[in-house]
Amino acid sequence: MYIPTYEDMVAAHERVKPYVHKTPVLTSSFLNQLTGAELFFKCENFQKAGAFKVRGACNAVFGLSEEMAKKGVATHSSGNHALSLSYAAGRRGIPCHVVMPRTAPQAKKDAVIGYGGVITECEPSTSSREAVFAEVQAETGAEFVHPYNDHRVIAGQGTCSRELHDQVHDLDAVVAPIGGGGMVSGTCLTLSHIAPKTKIYAAEPLNADDAARSFRAGHIIADDAPDTIADGLKVPLKDLTWHFVSNHVTDILTATEEEIVDAMKLIWKRMKIVMEPSSAVPLATILKNRDVFAGKRVGVIITGGNVDLDNLPWMNS
């Protein structure tokens, strides 16, 4: 297992610059008042392909040798990594093969196809996803770029908190959503070097709280098919992300489905920005744990904006 270094993140930052946005940081006096904290929202929902995952995908794709790149890249993903890898592969002019659960949001499937990715569907479980992917990779011989348990991907995701640190100084804490842990690992990789006093919190749906349970137990506990509206946070930690989570994360906080929806509505209404349910989990946990964040300067990573507008989580409630 190769653990990415701070130098890998710096190299990734240079490599991905031509292909990603330096996303803005927004604030809301209303949300500051509501939480008692000073919140700084790093808006990766405005990122190319609509999500932070384009950072790691571009670092992996543009780091490939010419020989490796010829056969293209392949992955399994519920959405944002799939469309981000398709975007990156399209920019390099190489094939991209993606295994996606049949239940993945249509908006994300459409984006993959729009960027030139080829989709093979699987059942909505980690076991089905990995079995179908093995077949696709055997057929294509493409380079596997794991959605999060990949040193190239983690180094790329670390560029987000590098930017946030440049944009907002002296943060007491950063809160990011956690599924497989790619963004949180990148945040740990970067901030442990450039801002070691900044606490890192991971935010997770209670319905998919395997990372929180792993954190308490001291070893990985993996759920196969959790059910949550935060579709980007259904996957379990792996050995590489567990390394960063277990060594650098201060705590993992959870929120119920209702709390996630309420936070998502708040951001849509008050900040006038579109973001997906997974991105609302950090604010939901901050609202739930006001005492932890009161009086603090807190970076909040809004990880993506690829939401299915025909199937918003409050439409059926």
C-alpha atoms as a PDB file:
ATOM      1  CA  MET A   1       0.000   0.000   0.000  1.00  0.00           C
ATOM      2  CA  TYR A   2       1.530   3.277  -1.125  1.00  0.00           C
ATOM      3  CA  ILE A   3       0.500   6.156   1.149  1.00  0.00           C
ATOM      4  CA  PRO A   4       0.477   9.465  -0.749  1.00  0.00           C
ATOM      5  CA  THR A   5       2.702  12.243   0.584  1.00  0.00           C
ATOM      6  CA  TYR A   6       2.322  15.994   0.809  1.00  0.00           C
ATOM      7  CA  GLU A   7       4.702  16.218  -2.182  1.00  0.00           C
ATOM      8  CA  ASP A   8       2.276  14.037  -4.180  1.00  0.00           C
ATOM      9  CA  MET A   9      -0.492  16.549  -3.430  1.00  0.00           C
ATOM     10  CA  VAL A  10       1.707  19.469  -4.542  1.00  0.00           C
ATOM     11  CA  ALA A  11       2.497  17.632  -7.807  1.00  0.00           C
ATOM     12  CA  ALA A  12      -1.206  16.878  -8.258  1.00  0.00           C
ATOM     13  CA  HIS A  13      -2.040  20.550  -7.775  1.00  0.00           C
ATOM     14  CA  GLU A  14       0.174  21.495 -10.711  1.00  0.00           C
ATOM     15  CA  ARG A  15      -1.032  18.583 -12.848  1.00  0.00           C
ATOM     16  CA  VAL A  16      -4.775  19.275 -12.490  1.00  0.00           C
ATOM     17  CA  LYS A  17      -4.686  23.081 -12.684  1.00  0.00           C
ATOM     18  CA  PRO A  18      -5.492  23.284 -16.417  1.00  0.00           C
ATOM     19  CA  TYR A  19      -8.534  21.011 -16.022  1.00  0.00           C
ATOM     20  CA  VAL A  20     -10.261  22.105 -12.799  1.00  0.00           C
ATOM     21  CA  HIS A  21     -11.743  25.286 -11.366  1.00  0.00           C
ATOM     22  CA  LYS A  22     -10.398  27.041  -8.306  1.00  0.00           C
ATOM     23  CA  THR A  23     -13.812  27.037  -6.678  1.00  0.00           C
ATOM     24  CA  PRO A  24     -15.143  29.967  -4.628  1.00  0.00           C
ATOM     25  CA  VAL A  25     -15.678  30.138  -0.868  1.00  0.00           C
ATOM     26  CA  LEU A  26     -19.103  31.509   0.107  1.00  0.00           C
ATOM     27  CA  THR A  27     -20.434  32.664   3.463  1.00  0.00           C
ATOM     28  CA  SER A  28     -23.907  33.152   4.939  1.00  0.00           C
ATOM     29  CA  SER A  29     -24.572  35.496   7.847  1.00  0.00           C
ATOM     30  CA  PHE A  30     -27.884  33.684   8.418  1.00  0.00           C
ATOM     31  CA  LEU A  31     -26.182  30.297   8.793  1.00  0.00           C
ATOM     32  CA  ASN A  32     -23.468  31.823  10.974  1.00  0.00           C
ATOM     33  CA  GLN A  33     -26.174  33.164  13.268  1.00  0.00           C
ATOM     34  CA  LEU A  34     -28.031  29.852  13.264  1.00  0.00           C
ATOM     35  CA  THR A  35     -24.971  27.745  14.128  1.00  0.00           C
ATOM     36  CA  GLY A  36     -23.051  30.215  16.300  1.00  0.00           C
ATOM     37  CA  ALA A  37     -19.976  29.522  14.157  1.00  0.00           C
ATOM     38  CA  GLU A  38     -18.285  31.362  11.303  1.00  0.00           C
ATOM     39  CA  LEU A  39     -18.802  29.067   8.319  1.00  0.00           C
ATOM     40  CA  PHE A  40     -16.813  29.136   5.070  1.00  0.00           C
ATOM     41  CA  PHE A  41     -18.350  26.989   2.335  1.00  0.00           C
ATOM     42  CA  LYS A  42     -15.860  25.633  -0.221  1.00  0.00           C
ATOM     43  CA  CYS A  43     -18.149  25.237  -3.233  1.00  0.00           C
ATOM     44  CA  GLU A  44     -17.055  22.173  -5.171  1.00  0.00           C
ATOM     45  CA  ASN A  45     -20.612  22.042  -6.555  1.00  0.00           C
ATOM     46  CA  PHE A  46     -19.259  24.681  -8.977  1.00  0.00           C
ATOM     47  CA  GLN A  47     -16.400  22.377  -9.973  1.00  0.00           C
ATOM     48  CA  LYS A  48     -15.922  20.957 -13.478  1.00  0.00           C
ATOM     49  CA  ALA A  49     -18.226  17.944 -13.810  1.00  0.00           C
ATOM     50  CA  GLY A  50     -20.072  19.311 -10.763  1.00  0.00           C
ATOM     51  CA  ALA A  51     -18.010  17.637  -8.038  1.00  0.00           C
ATOM     52  CA  PHE A  52     -14.662  17.604  -6.216  1.00  0.00           C
ATOM     53  CA  LYS A  53     -13.940  14.139  -7.612  1.00  0.00           C
ATOM     54  CA  VAL A  54     -12.718  15.644 -10.871  1.00  0.00           C
ATOM     55  CA  ARG A  55      -9.539  16.621  -8.986  1.00  0.00           C
ATOM     56  CA  GLY A  56      -8.549  13.041  -8.171  1.00  0.00           C
ATOM     57  CA  ALA A  57      -9.746  11.744 -11.538  1.00  0.00           C
ATOM     58  CA  CYS A  58      -7.659  14.283 -13.465  1.00  0.00           C
ATOM     59  CA  ASN A  59      -4.596  13.568 -11.353  1.00  0.00           C
ATOM     60  CA  ALA A  60      -4.914   9.836 -12.072  1.00  0.00           C
ATOM     61  CA  VAL A  61      -5.673  10.193 -15.798  1.00  0.00           C
ATOM     62  CA  PHE A  62      -3.027  12.796 -16.611  1.00  0.00           C
ATOM     63  CA  GLY A  63      -0.439  10.957 -14.523  1.00  0.00           C
ATOM     64  CA  LEU A  64      -0.688   7.831 -16.724  1.00  0.00           C
ATOM     65  CA  SER A  65       2.136   6.951 -19.127  1.00  0.00           C
ATOM     66  CA  GLU A  66       1.261   6.994 -22.840  1.00  0.00           C
ATOM     67  CA  GLU A  67       1.423   3.200 -22.886  1.00  0.00           C
ATOM     68  CA  MET A  68      -0.986   2.789 -19.951  1.00  0.00           C
ATOM     69  CA  ALA A  69      -3.354   5.436 -21.270  1.00  0.00           C
ATOM     70  CA  LYS A  70      -3.964   3.615 -24.580  1.00  0.00           C
ATOM     71  CA  LYS A  71      -6.290   1.028 -23.026  1.00  0.00           C
ATOM     72  CA  GLY A  72      -8.171   3.708 -21.150  1.00  0.00           C
ATOM     73  CA  VAL A  73      -9.409   3.783 -17.576  1.00  0.00           C
ATOM     74  CA  ALA A  74     -12.147   1.959 -15.696  1.00  0.00           C
ATOM     75  CA  THR A  75     -13.934   2.327 -12.382  1.00  0.00           C
ATOM     76  CA  HIS A  76     -17.058   1.563 -10.373  1.00  0.00           C
ATOM     77  CA  SER A  77     -18.966   4.484  -8.867  1.00  0.00           C
ATOM     78  CA  SER A  78     -22.416   5.624  -7.766  1.00  0.00           C
ATOM     79  CA  GLY A  79     -21.991   8.755  -9.820  1.00  0.00           C
ATOM     80  CA  ASN A  80     -19.603  11.607  -9.207  1.00  0.00           C
ATOM     81  CA  HIS A  81     -16.358   9.658  -9.634  1.00  0.00           C
ATOM     82  CA  ALA A  82     -17.843   7.989 -12.719  1.00  0.00           C
ATOM     83  CA  LEU A  83     -18.658  11.259 -14.424  1.00  0.00           C
ATOM     84  CA  SER A  84     -15.420  12.890 -13.222  1.00  0.00           C
ATOM     85  CA  LEU A  85     -13.293  10.065 -14.627  1.00  0.00           C
ATOM     86  CA  SER A  86     -15.286  10.240 -17.876  1.00  0.00           C
ATOM     87  CA  TYR A  87     -14.591  13.981 -18.023  1.00  0.00           C
ATOM     88  CA  ALA A  88     -10.856  13.503 -17.402  1.00  0.00           C
ATOM     89  CA  ALA A  89     -10.564  10.632 -19.894  1.00  0.00           C
ATOM     90  CA  GLY A  90     -12.409  12.698 -22.496  1.00  0.00           C
ATOM     91  CA  ARG A  91      -9.948  15.560 -22.005  1.00  0.00           C
ATOM     92  CA  ARG A  92      -7.080  13.170 -22.613  1.00  0.00           C
ATOM     93  CA  GLY A  93      -8.878  11.441 -25.474  1.00  0.00           C
ATOM     94  CA  ILE A  94      -8.871   7.939 -23.967  1.00  0.00           C
ATOM     95  CA  PRO A  95     -11.718   5.452 -23.271  1.00  0.00           C
ATOM     96  CA  CYS A  96     -13.501   5.303 -19.910  1.00  0.00           C
ATOM     97  CA  HIS A  97     -15.489   2.271 -18.708  1.00  0.00           C
ATOM     98  CA  VAL A  98     -17.794   2.706 -15.727  1.00  0.00           C
ATOM     99  CA  VAL A  99     -19.797   0.273 -13.588  1.00  0.00           C
ATOM    100  CA  MET A 100     -22.723   2.077 -11.911  1.00  0.00           C
ATOM    101  CA  PRO A 101     -25.594   0.833  -9.722  1.00  0.00           C
ATOM    102  CA  ARG A 102     -28.867   0.761 -11.660  1.00  0.00           C
ATOM    103  CA  THR A 103     -30.332   2.985  -8.918  1.00  0.00           C
ATOM    104  CA  ALA A 104     -27.766   5.782  -9.450  1.00  0.00           C
ATOM    105  CA  PRO A 105     -29.367   9.172 -10.158  1.00  0.00           C
ATOM    106  CA  GLN A 106     -30.269   9.587 -13.830  1.00  0.00           C
ATOM    107  CA  ALA A 107     -28.588  12.999 -13.841  1.00  0.00           C
ATOM    108  CA  LYS A 108     -25.263  11.324 -13.039  1.00  0.00           C
ATOM    109  CA  LYS A 109     -25.741   8.579 -15.664  1.00  0.00           C
ATOM    110  CA  ASP A 110     -26.562  11.219 -18.280  1.00  0.00           C
ATOM    111  CA  ALA A 111     -23.420  13.155 -17.379  1.00  0.00           C
ATOM    112  CA  VAL A 112     -21.220  10.050 -17.745  1.00  0.00           C
ATOM    113  CA  ILE A 113     -22.641   9.405 -21.215  1.00  0.00           C
ATOM    114  CA  GLY A 114     -22.316  13.097 -22.077  1.00  0.00           C
ATOM    115  CA  TYR A 115     -18.597  13.000 -21.277  1.00  0.00           C
ATOM    116  CA  GLY A 116     -18.137   9.867 -23.404  1.00  0.00           C
ATOM    117  CA  GLY A 117     -18.066   7.223 -20.669  1.00  0.00           C
ATOM    118  CA  VAL A 118     -19.434   3.712 -21.302  1.00  0.00           C
ATOM    119  CA  ILE A 119     -21.757   2.463 -18.512  1.00  0.00           C
ATOM    120  CA  THR A 120     -22.308  -1.135 -17.369  1.00  0.00           C
ATOM    121  CA  GLU A 121     -25.023  -1.362 -14.705  1.00  0.00           C
ATOM    122  CA  CYS A 122     -24.899  -3.454 -11.522  1.00  0.00           C
ATOM    123  CA  GLU A 123     -27.088  -4.071  -8.490  1.00  0.00           C
ATOM    124  CA  PRO A 124     -26.920  -1.414  -5.707  1.00  0.00           C
ATOM    125  CA  SER A 125     -24.480  -3.252  -3.437  1.00  0.00           C
ATOM    126  CA  THR A 126     -20.715  -3.159  -2.980  1.00  0.00           C
ATOM    127  CA  SER A 127     -20.438  -6.891  -3.740  1.00  0.00           C
ATOM    128  CA  SER A 128     -22.337  -6.638  -7.054  1.00  0.00           C
ATOM    129  CA  ARG A 129     -20.413  -3.536  -8.036  1.00  0.00           C
ATOM    130  CA  GLU A 130     -17.042  -5.207  -7.498  1.00  0.00           C
ATOM    131  CA  ALA A 131     -18.054  -8.471  -9.253  1.00  0.00           C
ATOM    132  CA  VAL A 132     -19.371  -6.722 -12.382  1.00  0.00           C
ATOM    133  CA  PHE A 133     -16.351  -4.443 -12.436  1.00  0.00           C
ATOM    134  CA  ALA A 134     -13.965  -7.421 -12.415  1.00  0.00           C
ATOM    135  CA  GLU A 135     -15.648  -8.646 -15.630  1.00  0.00           C
ATOM    136  CA  VAL A 136     -15.421  -5.231 -17.301  1.00  0.00           C
ATOM    137  CA  GLN A 137     -11.762  -4.806 -16.423  1.00  0.00           C
ATOM    138  CA  ALA A 138     -10.898  -8.304 -17.634  1.00  0.00           C
ATOM    139  CA  GLU A 139     -12.545  -7.530 -20.991  1.00  0.00           C
ATOM    140  CA  THR A 140     -10.992  -4.102 -21.519  1.00  0.00           C
ATOM    141  CA  GLY A 141      -7.603  -4.263 -19.799  1.00  0.00           C
ATOM    142  CA  ALA A 142      -8.196  -0.642 -18.736  1.00  0.00           C
ATOM    143  CA  GLU A 143      -6.333   0.959 -15.813  1.00  0.00           C
ATOM    144  CA  PHE A 144      -8.419   0.759 -12.629  1.00  0.00           C
ATOM    145  CA  VAL A 145      -8.865   4.111 -10.938  1.00  0.00           C
ATOM    146  CA  HIS A 146     -10.602   3.361  -7.641  1.00  0.00           C
ATOM    147  CA  PRO A 147     -13.143   6.023  -6.581  1.00  0.00           C
ATOM    148  CA  TYR A 148     -11.224   6.715  -3.366  1.00  0.00           C
ATOM    149  CA  ASN A 149      -8.806   3.965  -2.288  1.00  0.00           C
ATOM    150  CA  ASP A 150      -6.126   5.133  -4.732  1.00  0.00           C
ATOM    151  CA  HIS A 151      -3.074   7.232  -3.819  1.00  0.00           C
ATOM    152  CA  ARG A 152      -3.416   9.301  -7.036  1.00  0.00           C
ATOM    153  CA  VAL A 153      -7.051  10.070  -6.281  1.00  0.00           C
ATOM    154  CA  ILE A 154      -6.385  11.021  -2.644  1.00  0.00           C
ATOM    155  CA  ALA A 155      -3.500  13.317  -3.655  1.00  0.00           C
ATOM    156  CA  GLY A 156      -5.831  14.985  -6.160  1.00  0.00           C
ATOM    157  CA  GLN A 157      -8.638  15.448  -3.611  1.00  0.00           C
ATOM    158  CA  GLY A 158      -6.078  17.039  -1.264  1.00  0.00           C
ATOM    159  CA  THR A 159      -5.828  20.007  -3.646  1.00  0.00           C
ATOM    160  CA  CYS A 160      -9.280  21.164  -2.489  1.00  0.00           C
ATOM    161  CA  SER A 161      -8.203  21.889   1.090  1.00  0.00           C
ATOM    162  CA  ARG A 162      -4.950  23.361  -0.236  1.00  0.00           C
ATOM    163  CA  GLU A 163      -7.078  25.971  -2.044  1.00  0.00           C
ATOM    164  CA  LEU A 164      -9.363  26.436   0.967  1.00  0.00           C
ATOM    165  CA  HIS A 165      -6.324  27.101   3.176  1.00  0.00           C
ATOM    166  CA  ASP A 166      -5.088  29.720   0.683  1.00  0.00           C
ATOM    167  CA  GLN A 167      -8.532  31.357   0.542  1.00  0.00           C
ATOM    168  CA  VAL A 168      -9.389  31.374   4.264  1.00  0.00           C
ATOM    169  CA  HIS A 169      -6.723  31.575   6.961  1.00  0.00           C
ATOM    170  CA  ASP A 170      -6.792  30.306  10.544  1.00  0.00           C
ATOM    171  CA  LEU A 171      -9.600  27.774  10.337  1.00  0.00           C
ATOM    172  CA  ASP A 172     -10.308  26.019  13.632  1.00  0.00           C
ATOM    173  CA  ALA A 173     -11.963  23.092  11.877  1.00  0.00           C
ATOM    174  CA  VAL A 174     -12.913  21.650   8.499  1.00  0.00           C
ATOM    175  CA  VAL A 175     -15.974  19.439   8.028  1.00  0.00           C
ATOM    176  CA  ALA A 176     -16.339  17.183   4.984  1.00  0.00           C
ATOM    177  CA  PRO A 177     -18.746  14.360   4.108  1.00  0.00           C
ATOM    178  CA  ILE A 178     -17.479  10.797   4.374  1.00  0.00           C
ATOM    179  CA  GLY A 179     -18.417   7.718   2.371  1.00  0.00           C
ATOM    180  CA  GLY A 180     -15.331   5.859   1.235  1.00  0.00           C
ATOM    181  CA  GLY A 181     -13.188   8.651   2.631  1.00  0.00           C
ATOM    182  CA  GLY A 182     -11.382  10.056  -0.419  1.00  0.00           C
ATOM    183  CA  MET A 183     -12.142  13.715   0.270  1.00  0.00           C
ATOM    184  CA  VAL A 184     -11.559  13.349   4.002  1.00  0.00           C
ATOM    185  CA  SER A 185      -8.240  11.554   3.346  1.00  0.00           C
ATOM    186  CA  GLY A 186      -7.114  14.301   0.967  1.00  0.00           C
ATOM    187  CA  THR A 187      -8.094  16.882   3.577  1.00  0.00           C
ATOM    188  CA  CYS A 188      -6.062  15.008   6.206  1.00  0.00           C
ATOM    189  CA  LEU A 189      -3.091  14.679   3.845  1.00  0.00           C
ATOM    190  CA  THR A 190      -2.975  18.426   3.182  1.00  0.00           C
ATOM    191  CA  LEU A 191      -4.013  19.998   6.475  1.00  0.00           C
ATOM    192  CA  SER A 192      -1.857  17.764   8.665  1.00  0.00           C
ATOM    193  CA  HIS A 193       1.108  19.393   6.888  1.00  0.00           C
ATOM    194  CA  ILE A 194       0.060  23.015   6.368  1.00  0.00           C
ATOM    195  CA  ALA A 195      -2.427  23.549   9.210  1.00  0.00           C
ATOM    196  CA  PRO A 196      -1.834  20.863  11.861  1.00  0.00           C
ATOM    197  CA  LYS A 197      -3.915  22.718  14.464  1.00  0.00           C
ATOM    198  CA  THR A 198      -7.041  22.651  12.267  1.00  0.00           C
ATOM    199  CA  LYS A 199      -9.350  19.856  13.435  1.00  0.00           C
ATOM    200  CA  ILE A 200     -10.853  17.609  10.775  1.00  0.00           C
ATOM    201  CA  TYR A 201     -14.396  16.313  11.230  1.00  0.00           C
ATOM    202  CA  ALA A 202     -16.124  13.816   8.953  1.00  0.00           C
ATOM    203  CA  ALA A 203     -19.901  13.997   8.484  1.00  0.00           C
ATOM    204  CA  GLU A 204     -21.918  10.873   7.708  1.00  0.00           C
ATOM    205  CA  PRO A 205     -25.582   9.842   7.296  1.00  0.00           C
ATOM    206  CA  LEU A 206     -26.835   7.869  10.299  1.00  0.00           C
ATOM    207  CA  ASN A 207     -28.355   5.392   7.825  1.00  0.00           C
ATOM    208  CA  ALA A 208     -24.866   4.693   6.426  1.00  0.00           C
ATOM    209  CA  ASP A 209     -22.751   5.170   9.544  1.00  0.00           C
ATOM    210  CA  ASP A 210     -20.155   2.446   8.970  1.00  0.00           C
ATOM    211  CA  ALA A 211     -17.283   4.971   9.071  1.00  0.00           C
ATOM    212  CA  ALA A 212     -18.485   6.296  12.452  1.00  0.00           C
ATOM    213  CA  ARG A 213     -18.786   2.751  13.784  1.00  0.00           C
ATOM    214  CA  SER A 214     -15.346   1.897  12.371  1.00  0.00           C
ATOM    215  CA  PHE A 215     -13.902   4.997  14.051  1.00  0.00           C
ATOM    216  CA  ARG A 216     -15.317   3.949  17.442  1.00  0.00           C
ATOM    217  CA  ALA A 217     -14.276   0.289  17.030  1.00  0.00           C
ATOM    218  CA  GLY A 218     -10.747   1.025  15.807  1.00  0.00           C
ATOM    219  CA  HIS A 219     -11.072  -1.132  12.682  1.00  0.00           C
ATOM    220  CA  ILE A 220     -13.023  -1.070   9.403  1.00  0.00           C
ATOM    221  CA  ILE A 221     -16.665  -2.131   9.591  1.00  0.00           C
ATOM    222  CA  ALA A 222     -18.194  -2.318   6.099  1.00  0.00           C
ATOM    223  CA  ASP A 223     -21.909  -2.236   5.251  1.00  0.00           C
ATOM    224  CA  ASP A 224     -22.775  -3.793   1.910  1.00  0.00           C
ATOM    225  CA  ALA A 225     -25.825  -1.785   0.821  1.00  0.00           C
ATOM    226  CA  PRO A 226     -26.912   1.015   3.186  1.00  0.00           C
ATOM    227  CA  ASP A 227     -30.012   3.046   2.281  1.00  0.00           C
ATOM    228  CA  THR A 228     -29.704   6.851   2.393  1.00  0.00           C
ATOM    229  CA  ILE A 229     -30.657   9.829   0.234  1.00  0.00           C
ATOM    230  CA  ALA A 230     -26.958  10.797   0.364  1.00  0.00           C
ATOM    231  CA  ASP A 231     -26.196   8.524  -2.601  1.00  0.00           C
ATOM    232  CA  GLY A 232     -22.529   9.548  -2.743  1.00  0.00           C
ATOM    233  CA  LEU A 233     -21.859   8.281   0.802  1.00  0.00           C
ATOM    234  CA  LYS A 234     -22.970   4.650   0.617  1.00  0.00           C
ATOM    235  CA  VAL A 235     -19.541   3.045   0.172  1.00  0.00           C
ATOM    236  CA  PRO A 236     -17.275   1.708   2.942  1.00  0.00           C
ATOM    237  CA  LEU A 237     -13.786   2.779   3.994  1.00  0.00           C
ATOM    238  CA  LYS A 238     -10.811   0.857   2.594  1.00  0.00           C
ATOM    239  CA  ASP A 239      -7.273   0.370   3.914  1.00  0.00           C
ATOM    240  CA  LEU A 240      -5.767   3.534   2.415  1.00  0.00           C
ATOM    241  CA  THR A 241      -8.551   5.901   3.498  1.00  0.00           C
ATOM    242  CA  TRP A 242      -8.724   4.176   6.890  1.00  0.00           C
ATOM    243  CA  HIS A 243      -5.050   5.094   7.380  1.00  0.00           C
ATOM    244  CA  PHE A 244      -5.873   8.801   7.126  1.00  0.00           C
ATOM    245  CA  VAL A 245      -9.188   8.652   8.989  1.00  0.00           C
ATOM    246  CA  SER A 246      -7.776   6.699  11.937  1.00  0.00           C
ATOM    247  CA  ASN A 247      -4.683   8.891  12.237  1.00  0.00           C
ATOM    248  CA  HIS A 248      -5.977  12.416  11.571  1.00  0.00           C
ATOM    249  CA  VAL A 249      -9.757  12.752  11.996  1.00  0.00           C
ATOM    250  CA  THR A 250     -10.942  14.338  15.273  1.00  0.00           C
ATOM    251  CA  ASP A 251     -14.440  12.830  15.156  1.00  0.00           C
ATOM    252  CA  ILE A 252     -17.107  11.441  12.822  1.00  0.00           C
ATOM    253  CA  LEU A 253     -20.526  13.020  13.324  1.00  0.00           C
ATOM    254  CA  THR A 254     -23.816  11.668  11.961  1.00  0.00           C
ATOM    255  CA  ALA A 255     -27.139  13.116  10.821  1.00  0.00           C
ATOM    256  CA  THR A 256     -30.552  11.558  10.171  1.00  0.00           C
ATOM    257  CA  GLU A 257     -32.247  11.609   6.772  1.00  0.00           C
ATOM    258  CA  GLU A 258     -34.604  14.371   7.995  1.00  0.00           C
ATOM    259  CA  GLU A 259     -31.695  16.470   9.259  1.00  0.00           C
ATOM    260  CA  ILE A 260     -29.917  16.075   5.914  1.00  0.00           C
ATOM    261  CA  VAL A 261     -33.008  17.206   3.989  1.00  0.00           C
ATOM    262  CA  ASP A 262     -33.497  20.188   6.323  1.00  0.00           C
ATOM    263  CA  ALA A 263     -29.854  21.259   5.856  1.00  0.00           C
ATOM    264  CA  MET A 264     -30.105  20.823   2.081  1.00  0.00           C
ATOM    265  CA  LYS A 265     -33.226  23.015   1.976  1.00  0.00           C
ATOM    266  CA  LEU A 266     -31.523  25.638   4.138  1.00  0.00           C
ATOM    267  CA  ILE A 267     -28.562  25.918   1.771  1.00  0.00           C
ATOM    268  CA  TRP A 268     -30.783  26.026  -1.318  1.00  0.00           C
ATOM    269  CA  LYS A 269     -33.015  28.710   0.226  1.00  0.00           C
ATOM    270  CA  ARG A 270     -30.449  30.860   1.995  1.00  0.00           C
ATOM    271  CA  MET A 271     -27.357  30.550  -0.202  1.00  0.00           C
ATOM    272  CA  LYS A 272     -29.214  30.089  -3.507  1.00  0.00           C
ATOM    273  CA  ILE A 273     -26.917  27.278  -4.606  1.00  0.00           C
ATOM    274  CA  VAL A 274     -27.728  23.810  -5.893  1.00  0.00           C
ATOM    275  CA  MET A 275     -26.022  20.987  -4.050  1.00  0.00           C
ATOM    276  CA  GLU A 276     -26.736  17.295  -3.649  1.00  0.00           C
ATOM    277  CA  PRO A 277     -27.857  15.524  -0.447  1.00  0.00           C
ATOM    278  CA  SER A 278     -24.339  14.213   0.342  1.00  0.00           C
ATOM    279  CA  SER A 279     -23.109  17.818   0.434  1.00  0.00           C
ATOM    280  CA  ALA A 280     -25.701  18.792   3.051  1.00  0.00           C
ATOM    281  CA  VAL A 281     -24.473  16.274   5.630  1.00  0.00           C
ATOM    282  CA  PRO A 282     -21.701  18.554   7.025  1.00  0.00           C
ATOM    283  CA  LEU A 283     -24.130  21.422   7.746  1.00  0.00           C
ATOM    284  CA  ALA A 284     -26.622  18.930   9.216  1.00  0.00           C
ATOM    285  CA  THR A 285     -23.979  17.694  11.673  1.00  0.00           C
ATOM    286  CA  ILE A 286     -22.864  21.241  12.547  1.00  0.00           C
ATOM    287  CA  LEU A 287     -26.475  22.221  13.341  1.00  0.00           C
ATOM    288  CA  LYS A 288     -26.808  19.071  15.444  1.00  0.00           C
ATOM    289  CA  ASN A 289     -23.531  19.660  17.328  1.00  0.00           C
ATOM    290  CA  ARG A 290     -23.582  23.443  17.795  1.00  0.00           C
ATOM    291  CA  ASP A 291     -21.597  23.204  21.022  1.00  0.00           C
ATOM    292  CA  VAL A 292     -18.655  21.619  19.164  1.00  0.00           C
ATOM    293  CA  PHE A 293     -18.418  24.442  16.613  1.00  0.00           C
ATOM    294  CA  ALA A 294     -19.755  27.522  18.444  1.00  0.00           C
ATOM    295  CA  GLY A 295     -17.382  30.486  18.198  1.00  0.00           C
ATOM    296  CA  LYS A 296     -15.119  28.625  15.726  1.00  0.00           C
ATOM    297  CA  ARG A 297     -14.020  29.388  12.173  1.00  0.00           C
ATOM    298  CA  VAL A 298     -15.164  26.340  10.234  1.00  0.00           C
ATOM    299  CA  GLY A 299     -14.486  25.296   6.638  1.00  0.00           C
ATOM    300  CA  VAL A 300     -17.380  23.301   5.145  1.00  0.00           C
ATOM    301  CA  ILE A 301     -16.722  21.374   1.941  1.00  0.00           C
ATOM    302  CA  ILE A 302     -19.753  21.274  -0.372  1.00  0.00           C
ATOM    303  CA  THR A 303     -18.641  18.277  -2.366  1.00  0.00           C
ATOM    304  CA  GLY A 304     -20.963  18.319  -5.372  1.00  0.00           C
ATOM    305  CA  GLY A 305     -24.025  19.629  -7.142  1.00  0.00           C
ATOM    306  CA  ASN A 306     -25.107  16.724  -9.336  1.00  0.00           C
ATOM    307  CA  VAL A 307     -28.629  16.407  -8.048  1.00  0.00           C
ATOM    308  CA  ASP A 308     -31.561  14.793  -9.852  1.00  0.00           C
ATOM    309  CA  LEU A 309     -33.964  17.729 -10.186  1.00  0.00           C
ATOM    310  CA  ASP A 310     -36.862  15.398 -11.027  1.00  0.00           C
ATOM    311  CA  ASN A 311     -36.386  13.442  -7.823  1.00  0.00           C
ATOM    312  CA  LEU A 312     -35.509  15.837  -5.011  1.00  0.00           C
ATOM    313  CA  PRO A 313     -35.496  14.196  -1.563  1.00  0.00           C
ATOM    314  CA  TRP A 314     -38.370  16.304  -0.238  1.00  0.00           C
ATOM    315  CA  MET A 315     -40.673  15.551  -3.174  1.00  0.00           C
ATOM    316  CA  ASN A 316     -41.761  12.201  -1.767  1.00  0.00           C
ATOM    317  CA  SER A 317     -41.801  13.079   1.906  1.00  0.00           C
END
